[in-house]
Amino acid sequence: MPETINADMGASVWKVLVAAGDAVEPDTTVVVLESMKMEIPVLAEYAGSVTAVHVAEGVTVQAGDPLVDIEEP
């Protein structure tokens, strides 16, 4: 079952760096959020495959919104 990475705070999605099917390692940046002119990288916590990306560049997210699903091998 995939684990979902959620937004920690309200912010704009500045960059989406992964797509469904991509392999990620721990500490891979999957999304970069922007809040108050600061870039906040969102990192994968473990290795796996991206199964879904729930956001697009330019959208605004709130705390708790899903960003990316990753399934462990």
N, C-alpha and C. Protein backbone atom coordinates (compact mmCIF):
# COMPACT_ATOMS: atom_id res chain seq x y z
N MET A 1 0.84 -1.18 0.00
CA MET A 1 0.00 0.00 0.00
C MET A 1 0.89 1.25 0.00
N PRO A 2 0.61 2.20 -0.89
CA PRO A 2 1.47 3.39 -0.96
C PRO A 2 1.33 4.28 0.27
N GLU A 3 2.39 4.97 0.58
CA GLU A 3 2.40 5.99 1.63
C GLU A 3 2.27 7.34 0.95
N THR A 4 1.51 8.23 1.54
CA THR A 4 1.30 9.55 0.96
C THR A 4 2.16 10.57 1.68
N ILE A 5 2.85 11.40 0.90
CA ILE A 5 3.57 12.54 1.44
C ILE A 5 2.61 13.72 1.38
N ASN A 6 2.37 14.35 2.53
CA ASN A 6 1.44 15.47 2.61
C ASN A 6 2.19 16.77 2.84
N ALA A 7 1.55 17.88 2.47
CA ALA A 7 2.11 19.20 2.71
C ALA A 7 2.13 19.48 4.21
N ASP A 8 3.22 20.04 4.70
CA ASP A 8 3.34 20.40 6.11
C ASP A 8 2.71 21.76 6.41
N MET A 9 2.52 22.57 5.35
CA MET A 9 2.02 23.93 5.54
C MET A 9 1.33 24.39 4.26
N GLY A 10 0.60 25.47 4.37
CA GLY A 10 0.02 26.08 3.19
C GLY A 10 1.13 26.73 2.38
N ALA A 11 1.13 26.50 1.07
CA ALA A 11 2.19 27.02 0.21
C ALA A 11 1.78 26.86 -1.25
N SER A 12 2.57 27.43 -2.13
CA SER A 12 2.41 27.22 -3.57
C SER A 12 3.36 26.11 -4.00
N VAL A 13 2.92 25.30 -4.94
CA VAL A 13 3.79 24.28 -5.51
C VAL A 13 4.65 24.96 -6.56
N TRP A 14 5.95 25.05 -6.29
CA TRP A 14 6.86 25.73 -7.20
C TRP A 14 7.37 24.77 -8.28
N LYS A 15 7.80 23.57 -7.87
CA LYS A 15 8.29 22.57 -8.82
C LYS A 15 7.84 21.19 -8.40
N VAL A 16 7.47 20.38 -9.39
CA VAL A 16 7.21 18.96 -9.18
C VAL A 16 8.36 18.23 -9.88
N LEU A 17 9.13 17.47 -9.14
CA LEU A 17 10.36 16.88 -9.66
C LEU A 17 10.25 15.39 -9.97
N VAL A 18 9.09 14.79 -9.74
CA VAL A 18 8.90 13.37 -10.02
C VAL A 18 7.60 13.17 -10.79
N ALA A 19 7.48 12.00 -11.38
CA ALA A 19 6.26 11.61 -12.08
C ALA A 19 5.94 10.17 -11.69
N ALA A 20 4.71 9.76 -11.92
CA ALA A 20 4.32 8.38 -11.63
C ALA A 20 5.26 7.43 -12.35
N GLY A 21 5.74 6.42 -11.62
CA GLY A 21 6.66 5.44 -12.18
C GLY A 21 8.11 5.71 -11.86
N ASP A 22 8.43 6.92 -11.42
CA ASP A 22 9.82 7.25 -11.06
C ASP A 22 10.24 6.50 -9.80
N ALA A 23 11.49 6.08 -9.77
CA ALA A 23 12.07 5.49 -8.57
C ALA A 23 12.70 6.61 -7.75
N VAL A 24 12.53 6.54 -6.43
CA VAL A 24 13.13 7.53 -5.53
C VAL A 24 13.90 6.82 -4.43
N GLU A 25 14.89 7.52 -3.92
CA GLU A 25 15.68 7.05 -2.80
C GLU A 25 15.35 7.93 -1.59
N PRO A 26 15.74 7.51 -0.39
CA PRO A 26 15.52 8.39 0.76
C PRO A 26 16.19 9.74 0.53
N ASP A 27 15.52 10.79 0.95
CA ASP A 27 15.99 12.17 0.83
C ASP A 27 15.99 12.71 -0.60
N THR A 28 15.33 12.03 -1.53
CA THR A 28 15.12 12.59 -2.87
C THR A 28 14.07 13.69 -2.77
N THR A 29 14.35 14.85 -3.34
CA THR A 29 13.37 15.93 -3.37
C THR A 29 12.31 15.58 -4.41
N VAL A 30 11.05 15.51 -3.97
CA VAL A 30 9.96 15.16 -4.88
C VAL A 30 9.15 16.38 -5.32
N VAL A 31 9.03 17.36 -4.44
CA VAL A 31 8.30 18.59 -4.72
C VAL A 31 9.02 19.73 -4.02
N VAL A 32 8.98 20.90 -4.62
CA VAL A 32 9.49 22.10 -3.96
C VAL A 32 8.31 23.05 -3.77
N LEU A 33 8.05 23.41 -2.52
CA LEU A 33 7.00 24.36 -2.19
C LEU A 33 7.61 25.74 -2.02
N GLU A 34 6.79 26.78 -2.19
CA GLU A 34 7.24 28.15 -1.99
C GLU A 34 6.27 28.83 -1.06
N SER A 35 6.81 29.41 0.00
CA SER A 35 6.00 30.15 0.96
C SER A 35 6.80 31.34 1.46
N MET A 36 6.23 32.51 1.40
CA MET A 36 6.89 33.74 1.85
C MET A 36 8.27 33.89 1.21
N LYS A 37 8.35 33.60 -0.10
CA LYS A 37 9.58 33.73 -0.90
C LYS A 37 10.69 32.79 -0.46
N MET A 38 10.33 31.73 0.26
CA MET A 38 11.31 30.71 0.65
C MET A 38 10.95 29.41 -0.06
N GLU A 39 11.97 28.70 -0.56
CA GLU A 39 11.77 27.40 -1.18
C GLU A 39 11.87 26.33 -0.10
N ILE A 40 10.88 25.43 -0.07
CA ILE A 40 10.85 24.36 0.92
C ILE A 40 10.84 23.02 0.18
N PRO A 41 11.98 22.29 0.20
CA PRO A 41 11.99 20.99 -0.46
C PRO A 41 11.20 19.96 0.36
N VAL A 42 10.45 19.13 -0.35
CA VAL A 42 9.72 18.02 0.28
C VAL A 42 10.44 16.75 -0.15
N LEU A 43 10.89 15.98 0.84
CA LEU A 43 11.75 14.82 0.57
C LEU A 43 11.02 13.50 0.76
N ALA A 44 11.43 12.51 -0.04
CA ALA A 44 10.97 11.14 0.17
C ALA A 44 11.63 10.62 1.44
N GLU A 45 10.89 9.88 2.23
CA GLU A 45 11.44 9.35 3.48
C GLU A 45 12.10 7.99 3.29
N TYR A 46 11.78 7.29 2.21
CA TYR A 46 12.33 5.96 1.98
C TYR A 46 12.36 5.69 0.49
N ALA A 47 13.05 4.61 0.09
CA ALA A 47 13.13 4.23 -1.31
C ALA A 47 11.82 3.61 -1.77
N GLY A 48 11.50 3.80 -3.02
CA GLY A 48 10.30 3.21 -3.58
C GLY A 48 9.99 3.77 -4.95
N SER A 49 8.78 3.54 -5.40
CA SER A 49 8.31 4.04 -6.69
C SER A 49 7.16 5.00 -6.49
N VAL A 50 7.18 6.09 -7.24
CA VAL A 50 6.09 7.05 -7.19
C VAL A 50 4.88 6.42 -7.89
N THR A 51 3.76 6.34 -7.18
CA THR A 51 2.55 5.77 -7.77
C THR A 51 1.56 6.83 -8.20
N ALA A 52 1.64 8.03 -7.61
CA ALA A 52 0.73 9.11 -7.99
C ALA A 52 1.32 10.45 -7.58
N VAL A 53 1.07 11.46 -8.40
CA VAL A 53 1.40 12.84 -8.07
C VAL A 53 0.07 13.59 -8.03
N HIS A 54 -0.24 14.19 -6.89
CA HIS A 54 -1.55 14.81 -6.68
C HIS A 54 -1.57 16.31 -6.94
N VAL A 55 -0.43 16.91 -7.27
CA VAL A 55 -0.36 18.36 -7.44
C VAL A 55 0.31 18.70 -8.76
N ALA A 56 0.14 19.95 -9.17
CA ALA A 56 0.80 20.47 -10.36
C ALA A 56 1.48 21.78 -9.98
N GLU A 57 2.47 22.16 -10.75
CA GLU A 57 3.16 23.42 -10.48
C GLU A 57 2.19 24.58 -10.56
N GLY A 58 2.30 25.49 -9.60
CA GLY A 58 1.48 26.68 -9.59
C GLY A 58 0.24 26.60 -8.72
N VAL A 59 -0.14 25.40 -8.29
CA VAL A 59 -1.33 25.29 -7.44
C VAL A 59 -0.96 25.62 -5.99
N THR A 60 -1.96 25.98 -5.23
CA THR A 60 -1.77 26.27 -3.80
C THR A 60 -2.28 25.08 -3.00
N VAL A 61 -1.50 24.65 -2.03
CA VAL A 61 -1.89 23.55 -1.16
C VAL A 61 -2.02 24.05 0.27
N GLN A 62 -2.80 23.33 1.04
CA GLN A 62 -2.97 23.61 2.46
C GLN A 62 -2.28 22.51 3.26
N ALA A 63 -2.01 22.77 4.52
CA ALA A 63 -1.40 21.76 5.39
C ALA A 63 -2.25 20.50 5.36
N GLY A 64 -1.60 19.37 5.14
CA GLY A 64 -2.29 18.09 5.11
C GLY A 64 -2.70 17.62 3.73
N ASP A 65 -2.65 18.50 2.73
CA ASP A 65 -3.02 18.09 1.37
C ASP A 65 -2.02 17.06 0.85
N PRO A 66 -2.50 16.03 0.12
CA PRO A 66 -1.59 15.03 -0.43
C PRO A 66 -0.77 15.62 -1.58
N LEU A 67 0.51 15.27 -1.61
CA LEU A 67 1.39 15.71 -2.68
C LEU A 67 1.77 14.56 -3.60
N VAL A 68 2.34 13.50 -3.02
CA VAL A 68 2.88 12.38 -3.79
C VAL A 68 2.65 11.09 -3.02
N ASP A 69 2.33 10.02 -3.76
CA ASP A 69 2.24 8.67 -3.17
C ASP A 69 3.49 7.88 -3.59
N ILE A 70 4.09 7.20 -2.62
CA ILE A 70 5.27 6.37 -2.89
C ILE A 70 5.01 4.99 -2.30
N GLU A 71 5.28 3.98 -3.11
CA GLU A 71 5.13 2.59 -2.65
C GLU A 71 6.50 1.97 -2.47
N GLU A 72 6.71 1.38 -1.29
CA GLU A 72 7.98 0.71 -1.02
C GLU A 72 8.05 -0.57 -1.84
N PRO A 73 9.27 -0.95 -2.25
CA PRO A 73 9.41 -2.19 -3.04
C PRO A 73 9.07 -3.43 -2.22
